[in-house]
Amino acid sequence: MKRISLILSAFLFLGAAALAHQSLDVGDGAYRLSAGFQSEPAYTGVMNGLELLVSDADGNPVENLESSLTAVVLGPEDAELVLELSAVYGEPGTYSGSFIPTKVGDYTFRVSGFIGAVEFDEHFDDPGHYEPVVRDASEVRIP
């Protein structure tokens, strides 16, 4: 019984994390991209980043895309930062690009490039799918 409870808890946790990402189909549905913050909610002055999951139409992870994708984080006051994407070890089809948000405000992601012969340029900016507003870290500090 304890094992079932642990498995169910893990499933609920992972399901909640997946819901915090916005998903878009590219290449007429040949591939699905899901993007969001690595850690939510995001706080100023705390390392965070983009988490990008790439799968084919059958839900299989797509690997080895680090050099064919470009990711940009767009922040407050028209700030832009090109992220260095890397594959997440042990998580096929998952890529990350780290950054430290420095101001409270809306942060969105733009991902472009190629998956095989499919070229795309997508903007992940739907706040209904992830929390784009970064909070000040002072909200969670305690002396």
C-alpha atoms as a PDB file:
ATOM      1  CA  MET A   1       0.000   0.000   0.000  1.00  0.00           C
ATOM      2  CA  LYS A   2       2.842   2.379   0.862  1.00  0.00           C
ATOM      3  CA  ARG A   3       4.429   1.750  -2.552  1.00  0.00           C
ATOM      4  CA  ILE A   4       1.171   2.516  -4.390  1.00  0.00           C
ATOM      5  CA  SER A   5       0.832   5.740  -2.425  1.00  0.00           C
ATOM      6  CA  LEU A   6       4.394   6.719  -3.343  1.00  0.00           C
ATOM      7  CA  ILE A   7       3.816   5.973  -7.031  1.00  0.00           C
ATOM      8  CA  LEU A   8       0.537   7.921  -7.020  1.00  0.00           C
ATOM      9  CA  SER A   9       2.230  10.881  -5.328  1.00  0.00           C
ATOM     10  CA  ALA A  10       5.006  10.879  -7.931  1.00  0.00           C
ATOM     11  CA  PHE A  11       2.454  10.721 -10.746  1.00  0.00           C
ATOM     12  CA  LEU A  12       0.493  13.650  -9.319  1.00  0.00           C
ATOM     13  CA  PHE A  13       3.681  15.694  -8.871  1.00  0.00           C
ATOM     14  CA  LEU A  14       4.905  15.017 -12.406  1.00  0.00           C
ATOM     15  CA  GLY A  15       1.460  15.639 -13.847  1.00  0.00           C
ATOM     16  CA  ALA A  16       1.302  19.030 -12.151  1.00  0.00           C
ATOM     17  CA  ALA A  17       4.739  19.917 -13.529  1.00  0.00           C
ATOM     18  CA  ALA A  18       3.677  19.014 -17.056  1.00  0.00           C
ATOM     19  CA  LEU A  19       0.545  21.131 -16.754  1.00  0.00           C
ATOM     20  CA  ALA A  20       2.730  24.144 -15.979  1.00  0.00           C
ATOM     21  CA  HIS A  21       4.097  24.114 -19.543  1.00  0.00           C
ATOM     22  CA  GLN A  22       2.567  25.394 -22.750  1.00  0.00           C
ATOM     23  CA  SER A  23       2.527  22.859 -25.603  1.00  0.00           C
ATOM     24  CA  LEU A  24       2.519  23.652 -29.313  1.00  0.00           C
ATOM     25  CA  ASP A  25       2.498  21.394 -32.361  1.00  0.00           C
ATOM     26  CA  VAL A  26       4.933  22.073 -35.202  1.00  0.00           C
ATOM     27  CA  GLY A  27       5.357  20.582 -38.646  1.00  0.00           C
ATOM     28  CA  ASP A  28       1.620  19.969 -39.115  1.00  0.00           C
ATOM     29  CA  GLY A  29       1.556  17.919 -35.913  1.00  0.00           C
ATOM     30  CA  ALA A  30       4.712  15.910 -36.631  1.00  0.00           C
ATOM     31  CA  TYR A  31       6.289  17.204 -33.400  1.00  0.00           C
ATOM     32  CA  ARG A  32       5.160  18.650 -30.083  1.00  0.00           C
ATOM     33  CA  LEU A  33       7.113  21.209 -28.062  1.00  0.00           C
ATOM     34  CA  SER A  34       6.318  21.920 -24.418  1.00  0.00           C
ATOM     35  CA  ALA A  35       8.010  24.857 -22.722  1.00  0.00           C
ATOM     36  CA  GLY A  36       7.960  26.502 -19.313  1.00  0.00           C
ATOM     37  CA  PHE A  37      10.101  27.480 -16.355  1.00  0.00           C
ATOM     38  CA  GLN A  38      12.340  24.826 -14.815  1.00  0.00           C
ATOM     39  CA  SER A  39      11.060  25.848 -11.399  1.00  0.00           C
ATOM     40  CA  GLU A  40       7.765  27.587 -10.648  1.00  0.00           C
ATOM     41  CA  PRO A  41       7.064  30.035  -9.279  1.00  0.00           C
ATOM     42  CA  ALA A  42      10.132  31.872 -10.520  1.00  0.00           C
ATOM     43  CA  TYR A  43      11.863  34.372  -8.220  1.00  0.00           C
ATOM     44  CA  THR A  44      14.267  37.238  -8.884  1.00  0.00           C
ATOM     45  CA  GLY A  45      17.905  36.541  -8.135  1.00  0.00           C
ATOM     46  CA  VAL A  46      17.395  32.774  -8.135  1.00  0.00           C
ATOM     47  CA  MET A  47      18.741  30.479 -10.880  1.00  0.00           C
ATOM     48  CA  ASN A  48      15.946  29.209 -13.099  1.00  0.00           C
ATOM     49  CA  GLY A  49      15.566  28.613 -16.800  1.00  0.00           C
ATOM     50  CA  LEU A  50      13.675  27.189 -19.707  1.00  0.00           C
ATOM     51  CA  GLU A  51      12.614  23.564 -19.689  1.00  0.00           C
ATOM     52  CA  LEU A  52      11.814  22.369 -23.212  1.00  0.00           C
ATOM     53  CA  LEU A  53      10.385  18.938 -24.007  1.00  0.00           C
ATOM     54  CA  VAL A  54      10.336  17.716 -27.622  1.00  0.00           C
ATOM     55  CA  SER A  55       8.440  14.648 -28.822  1.00  0.00           C
ATOM     56  CA  ASP A  56       7.211  13.223 -32.106  1.00  0.00           C
ATOM     57  CA  ALA A  57       3.552  12.668 -33.020  1.00  0.00           C
ATOM     58  CA  ASP A  58       3.588   9.312 -31.207  1.00  0.00           C
ATOM     59  CA  GLY A  59       4.902  10.879 -27.989  1.00  0.00           C
ATOM     60  CA  ASN A  60       8.438   9.541 -28.391  1.00  0.00           C
ATOM     61  CA  PRO A  61      11.196  11.903 -27.194  1.00  0.00           C
ATOM     62  CA  VAL A  62      13.324  13.565 -29.877  1.00  0.00           C
ATOM     63  CA  GLU A  63      16.995  13.705 -28.961  1.00  0.00           C
ATOM     64  CA  ASN A  64      20.174  15.442 -30.167  1.00  0.00           C
ATOM     65  CA  LEU A  65      18.588  18.802 -31.002  1.00  0.00           C
ATOM     66  CA  GLU A  66      20.913  21.040 -28.955  1.00  0.00           C
ATOM     67  CA  SER A  67      22.701  22.408 -32.012  1.00  0.00           C
ATOM     68  CA  SER A  68      19.598  22.808 -34.206  1.00  0.00           C
ATOM     69  CA  LEU A  69      17.444  24.820 -31.772  1.00  0.00           C
ATOM     70  CA  THR A  70      17.680  28.421 -30.576  1.00  0.00           C
ATOM     71  CA  ALA A  71      15.910  29.587 -27.436  1.00  0.00           C
ATOM     72  CA  VAL A  72      15.433  33.153 -26.236  1.00  0.00           C
ATOM     73  CA  VAL A  73      13.921  34.361 -22.976  1.00  0.00           C
ATOM     74  CA  LEU A  74      12.017  37.642 -23.310  1.00  0.00           C
ATOM     75  CA  GLY A  75      11.704  39.648 -20.114  1.00  0.00           C
ATOM     76  CA  PRO A  76      10.548  42.972 -18.707  1.00  0.00           C
ATOM     77  CA  GLU A  77      11.564  46.221 -20.412  1.00  0.00           C
ATOM     78  CA  ASP A  78      12.068  44.426 -23.756  1.00  0.00           C
ATOM     79  CA  ALA A  79      15.007  42.439 -22.369  1.00  0.00           C
ATOM     80  CA  GLU A  80      16.167  39.450 -24.422  1.00  0.00           C
ATOM     81  CA  LEU A  81      18.692  36.755 -23.637  1.00  0.00           C
ATOM     82  CA  VAL A  82      19.724  33.935 -25.972  1.00  0.00           C
ATOM     83  CA  LEU A  83      19.931  30.771 -23.905  1.00  0.00           C
ATOM     84  CA  GLU A  84      22.516  28.034 -24.302  1.00  0.00           C
ATOM     85  CA  LEU A  85      20.448  24.862 -24.631  1.00  0.00           C
ATOM     86  CA  SER A  86      21.724  21.556 -23.367  1.00  0.00           C
ATOM     87  CA  ALA A  87      20.213  18.094 -23.155  1.00  0.00           C
ATOM     88  CA  VAL A  88      19.044  17.084 -19.683  1.00  0.00           C
ATOM     89  CA  TYR A  89      20.937  13.962 -18.662  1.00  0.00           C
ATOM     90  CA  GLY A  90      18.677  10.962 -18.151  1.00  0.00           C
ATOM     91  CA  GLU A  91      15.607  12.700 -19.616  1.00  0.00           C
ATOM     92  CA  PRO A  92      15.470  11.998 -23.383  1.00  0.00           C
ATOM     93  CA  GLY A  93      13.925  14.801 -25.428  1.00  0.00           C
ATOM     94  CA  THR A  94      14.324  17.342 -22.609  1.00  0.00           C
ATOM     95  CA  TYR A  95      16.478  20.441 -23.015  1.00  0.00           C
ATOM     96  CA  SER A  96      17.272  23.293 -20.645  1.00  0.00           C
ATOM     97  CA  GLY A  97      18.733  26.767 -20.773  1.00  0.00           C
ATOM     98  CA  SER A  98      19.513  28.482 -17.475  1.00  0.00           C
ATOM     99  CA  PHE A  99      19.206  32.148 -16.538  1.00  0.00           C
ATOM    100  CA  ILE A 100      18.620  34.313 -13.479  1.00  0.00           C
ATOM    101  CA  PRO A 101      15.588  36.622 -13.657  1.00  0.00           C
ATOM    102  CA  THR A 102      16.569  39.985 -12.188  1.00  0.00           C
ATOM    103  CA  LYS A 103      13.288  41.906 -12.321  1.00  0.00           C
ATOM    104  CA  VAL A 104       9.684  41.155 -11.466  1.00  0.00           C
ATOM    105  CA  GLY A 105       7.549  40.957 -14.589  1.00  0.00           C
ATOM    106  CA  ASP A 106       6.450  38.794 -17.462  1.00  0.00           C
ATOM    107  CA  TYR A 107       8.945  36.369 -18.964  1.00  0.00           C
ATOM    108  CA  THR A 108       8.154  34.359 -22.094  1.00  0.00           C
ATOM    109  CA  PHE A 109      10.130  32.033 -24.354  1.00  0.00           C
ATOM    110  CA  ARG A 110      10.764  31.923 -28.084  1.00  0.00           C
ATOM    111  CA  VAL A 111      12.111  28.713 -29.608  1.00  0.00           C
ATOM    112  CA  SER A 112      13.107  28.294 -33.235  1.00  0.00           C
ATOM    113  CA  GLY A 113      15.140  25.996 -35.425  1.00  0.00           C
ATOM    114  CA  PHE A 114      14.900  22.643 -37.113  1.00  0.00           C
ATOM    115  CA  ILE A 115      13.699  19.203 -36.120  1.00  0.00           C
ATOM    116  CA  GLY A 116      14.830  17.107 -39.058  1.00  0.00           C
ATOM    117  CA  ALA A 117      13.500  18.929 -42.133  1.00  0.00           C
ATOM    118  CA  VAL A 118      10.808  20.792 -40.151  1.00  0.00           C
ATOM    119  CA  GLU A 119      11.608  24.475 -39.593  1.00  0.00           C
ATOM    120  CA  PHE A 120       9.677  26.404 -36.937  1.00  0.00           C
ATOM    121  CA  ASP A 121       9.622  29.609 -34.899  1.00  0.00           C
ATOM    122  CA  GLU A 122       7.277  29.543 -31.895  1.00  0.00           C
ATOM    123  CA  HIS A 123       6.541  31.963 -29.046  1.00  0.00           C
ATOM    124  CA  PHE A 124       5.468  30.442 -25.728  1.00  0.00           C
ATOM    125  CA  ASP A 125       3.542  33.248 -24.084  1.00  0.00           C
ATOM    126  CA  ASP A 126       0.233  31.821 -22.852  1.00  0.00           C
ATOM    127  CA  PRO A 127      -0.046  32.558 -19.119  1.00  0.00           C
ATOM    128  CA  GLY A 128      -2.825  29.985 -18.826  1.00  0.00           C
ATOM    129  CA  HIS A 129      -0.215  27.241 -19.207  1.00  0.00           C
ATOM    130  CA  TYR A 130       2.611  28.467 -17.007  1.00  0.00           C
ATOM    131  CA  GLU A 131       3.249  31.272 -14.591  1.00  0.00           C
ATOM    132  CA  PRO A 132       5.188  33.940 -16.511  1.00  0.00           C
ATOM    133  CA  VAL A 133       5.306  36.518 -13.723  1.00  0.00           C
ATOM    134  CA  VAL A 134       8.491  36.312 -11.690  1.00  0.00           C
ATOM    135  CA  ARG A 135       8.166  37.213  -8.011  1.00  0.00           C
ATOM    136  CA  ASP A 136      10.638  39.021  -5.830  1.00  0.00           C
ATOM    137  CA  ALA A 137      12.689  36.563  -3.778  1.00  0.00           C
ATOM    138  CA  SER A 138      12.014  38.651  -0.656  1.00  0.00           C
ATOM    139  CA  GLU A 139       8.516  37.097  -0.627  1.00  0.00           C
ATOM    140  CA  VAL A 140       9.966  33.765   0.490  1.00  0.00           C
ATOM    141  CA  ARG A 141      12.928  34.811   2.644  1.00  0.00           C
ATOM    142  CA  ILE A 142      13.024  34.448   6.372  1.00  0.00           C
ATOM    143  CA  PRO A 143      15.734  35.721   8.686  1.00  0.00           C
END
